[in-house]
Amino acid sequence: MSGCVAAVTPFLNNIDQVNGWNVDTDSPEKILMVQVTDHRIGTLVIKAVGQAAYQADYKPRP
């Protein structure tokens, strides 16, 4: 498990509306994809990533 994945795991797993997530660790940007039950929780996900000392931006799927 990469350092960024290990860091965000407890924070993302603590959000009830998150059904699953993964990080593309092959990408230089370390793209995080999150599957949710409520699309209004983007700010919770961004906050959770921030708690792990990383930065996230919300970009909806096309």
PDB file of N, CA and C in Angstrom:
ATOM      1  N   MET A   1       0.854  -1.174   0.000  1.00  0.00           N
ATOM      2  CA  MET A   1       0.000   0.000   0.000  1.00  0.00           C
ATOM      3  C   MET A   1       0.898   1.233   0.000  1.00  0.00           C
ATOM      4  N   SER A   2       0.597   2.157  -0.889  1.00  0.00           N
ATOM      5  CA  SER A   2       1.417   3.366  -0.958  1.00  0.00           C
ATOM      6  C   SER A   2       1.134   4.264   0.242  1.00  0.00           C
ATOM      7  N   GLY A   3       2.026   5.199   0.482  1.00  0.00           N
ATOM      8  CA  GLY A   3       1.883   6.102   1.622  1.00  0.00           C
ATOM      9  C   GLY A   3       0.618   6.932   1.579  1.00  0.00           C
ATOM     10  N   CYS A   4       0.257   7.419   0.389  1.00  0.00           N
ATOM     11  CA  CYS A   4      -0.947   8.248   0.302  1.00  0.00           C
ATOM     12  C   CYS A   4      -2.200   7.417   0.561  1.00  0.00           C
ATOM     13  N   VAL A   5      -2.226   6.198   0.059  1.00  0.00           N
ATOM     14  CA  VAL A   5      -3.382   5.328   0.279  1.00  0.00           C
ATOM     15  C   VAL A   5      -3.515   5.000   1.766  1.00  0.00           C
ATOM     16  N   ALA A   6      -2.419   4.658   2.386  1.00  0.00           N
ATOM     17  CA  ALA A   6      -2.444   4.344   3.816  1.00  0.00           C
ATOM     18  C   ALA A   6      -2.889   5.551   4.633  1.00  0.00           C
ATOM     19  N   ALA A   7      -2.489   6.735   4.217  1.00  0.00           N
ATOM     20  CA  ALA A   7      -2.828   7.944   4.965  1.00  0.00           C
ATOM     21  C   ALA A   7      -4.312   8.281   4.882  1.00  0.00           C
ATOM     22  N   VAL A   8      -4.912   8.141   3.711  1.00  0.00           N
ATOM     23  CA  VAL A   8      -6.318   8.539   3.557  1.00  0.00           C
ATOM     24  C   VAL A   8      -7.304   7.448   3.962  1.00  0.00           C
ATOM     25  N   THR A   9      -6.853   6.203   4.035  1.00  0.00           N
ATOM     26  CA  THR A   9      -7.754   5.078   4.310  1.00  0.00           C
ATOM     27  C   THR A   9      -8.635   5.276   5.537  1.00  0.00           C
ATOM     28  N   PRO A  10      -8.102   5.570   6.704  1.00  0.00           N
ATOM     29  CA  PRO A  10      -8.994   5.673   7.863  1.00  0.00           C
ATOM     30  C   PRO A  10      -9.998   6.818   7.753  1.00  0.00           C
ATOM     31  N   PHE A  11      -9.619   7.883   7.084  1.00  0.00           N
ATOM     32  CA  PHE A  11     -10.514   9.034   6.957  1.00  0.00           C
ATOM     33  C   PHE A  11     -11.644   8.759   5.967  1.00  0.00           C
ATOM     34  N   LEU A  12     -11.317   8.178   4.820  1.00  0.00           N
ATOM     35  CA  LEU A  12     -12.352   7.876   3.829  1.00  0.00           C
ATOM     36  C   LEU A  12     -13.255   6.739   4.294  1.00  0.00           C
ATOM     37  N   ASN A  13     -12.684   5.755   4.947  1.00  0.00           N
ATOM     38  CA  ASN A  13     -13.488   4.628   5.421  1.00  0.00           C
ATOM     39  C   ASN A  13     -14.433   5.028   6.549  1.00  0.00           C
ATOM     40  N   ASN A  14     -14.228   6.191   7.114  1.00  0.00           N
ATOM     41  CA  ASN A  14     -15.068   6.676   8.205  1.00  0.00           C
ATOM     42  C   ASN A  14     -16.296   7.446   7.706  1.00  0.00           C
ATOM     43  N   ILE A  15     -16.428   7.624   6.406  1.00  0.00           N
ATOM     44  CA  ILE A  15     -17.572   8.344   5.834  1.00  0.00           C
ATOM     45  C   ILE A  15     -18.615   7.314   5.404  1.00  0.00           C
ATOM     46  N   ASP A  16     -19.771   7.342   6.048  1.00  0.00           N
ATOM     47  CA  ASP A  16     -20.816   6.347   5.796  1.00  0.00           C
ATOM     48  C   ASP A  16     -21.278   6.307   4.342  1.00  0.00           C
ATOM     49  N   GLN A  17     -21.331   7.448   3.673  1.00  0.00           N
ATOM     50  CA  GLN A  17     -21.857   7.512   2.314  1.00  0.00           C
ATOM     51  C   GLN A  17     -20.855   7.063   1.250  1.00  0.00           C
ATOM     52  N   VAL A  18     -19.655   6.696   1.657  1.00  0.00           N
ATOM     53  CA  VAL A  18     -18.649   6.215   0.702  1.00  0.00           C
ATOM     54  C   VAL A  18     -18.797   4.702   0.574  1.00  0.00           C
ATOM     55  N   ASN A  19     -19.106   4.260  -0.646  1.00  0.00           N
ATOM     56  CA  ASN A  19     -19.251   2.824  -0.922  1.00  0.00           C
ATOM     57  C   ASN A  19     -17.927   2.172  -1.283  1.00  0.00           C
ATOM     58  N   GLY A  20     -17.022   2.951  -1.793  1.00  0.00           N
ATOM     59  CA  GLY A  20     -15.724   2.435  -2.197  1.00  0.00           C
ATOM     60  C   GLY A  20     -14.886   3.554  -2.774  1.00  0.00           C
ATOM     61  N   TRP A  21     -13.607   3.306  -2.871  1.00  0.00           N
ATOM     62  CA  TRP A  21     -12.711   4.316  -3.425  1.00  0.00           C
ATOM     63  C   TRP A  21     -11.404   3.649  -3.826  1.00  0.00           C
ATOM     64  N   ASN A  22     -10.682   4.308  -4.704  1.00  0.00           N
ATOM     65  CA  ASN A  22      -9.348   3.838  -5.070  1.00  0.00           C
ATOM     66  C   ASN A  22      -8.506   5.020  -5.523  1.00  0.00           C
ATOM     67  N   VAL A  23      -7.212   4.834  -5.465  1.00  0.00           N
ATOM     68  CA  VAL A  23      -6.264   5.859  -5.891  1.00  0.00           C
ATOM     69  C   VAL A  23      -5.445   5.282  -7.032  1.00  0.00           C
ATOM     70  N   ASP A  24      -5.378   6.022  -8.126  1.00  0.00           N
ATOM     71  CA  ASP A  24      -4.529   5.620  -9.245  1.00  0.00           C
ATOM     72  C   ASP A  24      -3.104   6.024  -8.893  1.00  0.00           C
ATOM     73  N   THR A  25      -2.386   5.106  -8.275  1.00  0.00           N
ATOM     74  CA  THR A  25      -1.027   5.415  -7.825  1.00  0.00           C
ATOM     75  C   THR A  25      -0.020   5.441  -8.970  1.00  0.00           C
ATOM     76  N   ASP A  26      -0.429   4.980 -10.147  1.00  0.00           N
ATOM     77  CA  ASP A  26       0.452   5.064 -11.315  1.00  0.00           C
ATOM     78  C   ASP A  26       0.459   6.465 -11.912  1.00  0.00           C
ATOM     79  N   SER A  27      -0.566   7.232 -11.619  1.00  0.00           N
ATOM     80  CA  SER A  27      -0.666   8.597 -12.120  1.00  0.00           C
ATOM     81  C   SER A  27       0.161   9.528 -11.235  1.00  0.00           C
ATOM     82  N   PRO A  28       0.899  10.462 -11.828  1.00  0.00           N
ATOM     83  CA  PRO A  28       1.666  11.414 -11.010  1.00  0.00           C
ATOM     84  C   PRO A  28       0.763  12.250 -10.096  1.00  0.00           C
ATOM     85  N   GLU A  29      -0.490  12.444 -10.517  1.00  0.00           N
ATOM     86  CA  GLU A  29      -1.426  13.242  -9.725  1.00  0.00           C
ATOM     87  C   GLU A  29      -2.087  12.436  -8.618  1.00  0.00           C
ATOM     88  N   LYS A  30      -1.886  11.110  -8.602  1.00  0.00           N
ATOM     89  CA  LYS A  30      -2.505  10.220  -7.604  1.00  0.00           C
ATOM     90  C   LYS A  30      -4.015  10.470  -7.542  1.00  0.00           C
ATOM     91  N   ILE A  31      -4.694  10.176  -8.636  1.00  0.00           N
ATOM     92  CA  ILE A  31      -6.118  10.474  -8.782  1.00  0.00           C
ATOM     93  C   ILE A  31      -6.958   9.558  -7.895  1.00  0.00           C
ATOM     94  N   LEU A  32      -7.793  10.180  -7.079  1.00  0.00           N
ATOM     95  CA  LEU A  32      -8.690   9.477  -6.165  1.00  0.00           C
ATOM     96  C   LEU A  32     -10.074   9.410  -6.795  1.00  0.00           C
ATOM     97  N   MET A  33     -10.608   8.211  -6.907  1.00  0.00           N
ATOM     98  CA  MET A  33     -11.976   8.006  -7.395  1.00  0.00           C
ATOM     99  C   MET A  33     -12.794   7.477  -6.223  1.00  0.00           C
ATOM    100  N   VAL A  34     -13.940   8.110  -5.977  1.00  0.00           N
ATOM    101  CA  VAL A  34     -14.772   7.744  -4.833  1.00  0.00           C
ATOM    102  C   VAL A  34     -16.171   7.401  -5.316  1.00  0.00           C
ATOM    103  N   GLN A  35     -16.687   6.266  -4.866  1.00  0.00           N
ATOM    104  CA  GLN A  35     -18.063   5.870  -5.154  1.00  0.00           C
ATOM    105  C   GLN A  35     -18.890   6.183  -3.909  1.00  0.00           C
ATOM    106  N   VAL A  36     -19.956   6.959  -4.111  1.00  0.00           N
ATOM    107  CA  VAL A  36     -20.753   7.424  -2.975  1.00  0.00           C
ATOM    108  C   VAL A  36     -22.229   7.118  -3.166  1.00  0.00           C
ATOM    109  N   THR A  37     -22.953   7.129  -2.062  1.00  0.00           N
ATOM    110  CA  THR A  37     -24.403   6.961  -2.114  1.00  0.00           C
ATOM    111  C   THR A  37     -25.111   8.306  -2.143  1.00  0.00           C
ATOM    112  N   ASP A  38     -24.386   9.369  -1.859  1.00  0.00           N
ATOM    113  CA  ASP A  38     -24.957  10.715  -1.832  1.00  0.00           C
ATOM    114  C   ASP A  38     -23.945  11.665  -2.459  1.00  0.00           C
ATOM    115  N   HIS A  39     -24.271  12.192  -3.614  1.00  0.00           N
ATOM    116  CA  HIS A  39     -23.330  13.031  -4.354  1.00  0.00           C
ATOM    117  C   HIS A  39     -23.110  14.400  -3.724  1.00  0.00           C
ATOM    118  N   ARG A  40     -23.784  14.676  -2.638  1.00  0.00           N
ATOM    119  CA  ARG A  40     -23.612  15.965  -1.961  1.00  0.00           C
ATOM    120  C   ARG A  40     -22.485  15.939  -0.935  1.00  0.00           C
ATOM    121  N   ILE A  41     -21.748  14.849  -0.841  1.00  0.00           N
ATOM    122  CA  ILE A  41     -20.725  14.743   0.204  1.00  0.00           C
ATOM    123  C   ILE A  41     -19.319  15.088  -0.285  1.00  0.00           C
ATOM    124  N   GLY A  42     -19.222  15.724  -1.415  1.00  0.00           N
ATOM    125  CA  GLY A  42     -17.908  16.088  -1.950  1.00  0.00           C
ATOM    126  C   GLY A  42     -17.042  16.833  -0.950  1.00  0.00           C
ATOM    127  N   THR A  43     -17.642  17.744  -0.204  1.00  0.00           N
ATOM    128  CA  THR A  43     -16.857  18.502   0.774  1.00  0.00           C
ATOM    129  C   THR A  43     -16.359  17.603   1.906  1.00  0.00           C
ATOM    130  N   LEU A  44     -17.134  16.584   2.263  1.00  0.00           N
ATOM    131  CA  LEU A  44     -16.674  15.641   3.295  1.00  0.00           C
ATOM    132  C   LEU A  44     -15.460  14.858   2.816  1.00  0.00           C
ATOM    133  N   VAL A  45     -15.486  14.461   1.557  1.00  0.00           N
ATOM    134  CA  VAL A  45     -14.357  13.719   0.992  1.00  0.00           C
ATOM    135  C   VAL A  45     -13.122  14.614   0.931  1.00  0.00           C
ATOM    136  N   ILE A  46     -13.299  15.836   0.479  1.00  0.00           N
ATOM    137  CA  ILE A  46     -12.174  16.773   0.406  1.00  0.00           C
ATOM    138  C   ILE A  46     -11.606  17.028   1.800  1.00  0.00           C
ATOM    139  N   LYS A  47     -12.473  17.181   2.781  1.00  0.00           N
ATOM    140  CA  LYS A  47     -12.022  17.393   4.160  1.00  0.00           C
ATOM    141  C   LYS A  47     -11.269  16.165   4.678  1.00  0.00           C
ATOM    142  N   ALA A  48     -11.770  14.975   4.380  1.00  0.00           N
ATOM    143  CA  ALA A  48     -11.116  13.741   4.828  1.00  0.00           C
ATOM    144  C   ALA A  48      -9.718  13.623   4.236  1.00  0.00           C
ATOM    145  N   VAL A  49      -9.582  13.942   2.971  1.00  0.00           N
ATOM    146  CA  VAL A  49      -8.266  13.903   2.328  1.00  0.00           C
ATOM    147  C   VAL A  49      -7.347  14.947   2.970  1.00  0.00           C
ATOM    148  N   GLY A  50      -7.895  16.101   3.280  1.00  0.00           N
ATOM    149  CA  GLY A  50      -7.117  17.141   3.951  1.00  0.00           C
ATOM    150  C   GLY A  50      -6.650  16.718   5.336  1.00  0.00           C
ATOM    151  N   GLN A  51      -7.485  15.964   6.046  1.00  0.00           N
ATOM    152  CA  GLN A  51      -7.091  15.470   7.368  1.00  0.00           C
ATOM    153  C   GLN A  51      -5.893  14.530   7.274  1.00  0.00           C
ATOM    154  N   ALA A  52      -5.730  13.915   6.124  1.00  0.00           N
ATOM    155  CA  ALA A  52      -4.586  13.027   5.904  1.00  0.00           C
ATOM    156  C   ALA A  52      -3.386  13.794   5.349  1.00  0.00           C
ATOM    157  N   ALA A  53      -3.481  15.113   5.342  1.00  0.00           N
ATOM    158  CA  ALA A  53      -2.405  16.003   4.883  1.00  0.00           C
ATOM    159  C   ALA A  53      -2.193  15.957   3.373  1.00  0.00           C
ATOM    160  N   TYR A  54      -3.281  15.701   2.640  1.00  0.00           N
ATOM    161  CA  TYR A  54      -3.247  15.748   1.180  1.00  0.00           C
ATOM    162  C   TYR A  54      -4.284  16.743   0.709  1.00  0.00           C
ATOM    163  N   GLN A  55      -4.244  17.071  -0.568  1.00  0.00           N
ATOM    164  CA  GLN A  55      -5.172  18.038  -1.142  1.00  0.00           C
ATOM    165  C   GLN A  55      -6.026  17.343  -2.193  1.00  0.00           C
ATOM    166  N   ALA A  56      -7.304  17.693  -2.229  1.00  0.00           N
ATOM    167  CA  ALA A  56      -8.212  17.115  -3.218  1.00  0.00           C
ATOM    168  C   ALA A  56      -9.079  18.209  -3.821  1.00  0.00           C
ATOM    169  N   ASP A  57      -9.470  17.994  -5.056  1.00  0.00           N
ATOM    170  CA  ASP A  57     -10.421  18.855  -5.749  1.00  0.00           C
ATOM    171  C   ASP A  57     -11.547  17.974  -6.247  1.00  0.00           C
ATOM    172  N   TYR A  58     -12.743  18.528  -6.297  1.00  0.00           N
ATOM    173  CA  TYR A  58     -13.899  17.787  -6.792  1.00  0.00           C
ATOM    174  C   TYR A  58     -14.019  17.969  -8.293  1.00  0.00           C
ATOM    175  N   LYS A  59     -14.038  16.868  -9.007  1.00  0.00           N
ATOM    176  CA  LYS A  59     -14.244  16.894 -10.456  1.00  0.00           C
ATOM    177  C   LYS A  59     -15.245  15.795 -10.783  1.00  0.00           C
ATOM    178  N   PRO A  60     -16.485  16.173 -11.105  1.00  0.00           N
ATOM    179  CA  PRO A  60     -17.486  15.149 -11.419  1.00  0.00           C
ATOM    180  C   PRO A  60     -17.119  14.383 -12.681  1.00  0.00           C
ATOM    181  N   ARG A  61     -17.594  13.161 -12.736  1.00  0.00           N
ATOM    182  CA  ARG A  61     -17.362  12.356 -13.932  1.00  0.00           C
ATOM    183  C   ARG A  61     -18.106  12.963 -15.106  1.00  0.00           C
ATOM    184  N   PRO A  62     -17.508  12.886 -16.283  1.00  0.00           N
ATOM    185  CA  PRO A  62     -18.198  13.422 -17.477  1.00  0.00           C
ATOM    186  C   PRO A  62     -19.407  12.587 -17.844  1.00  0.00           C
TER     187      PRO A  62
END
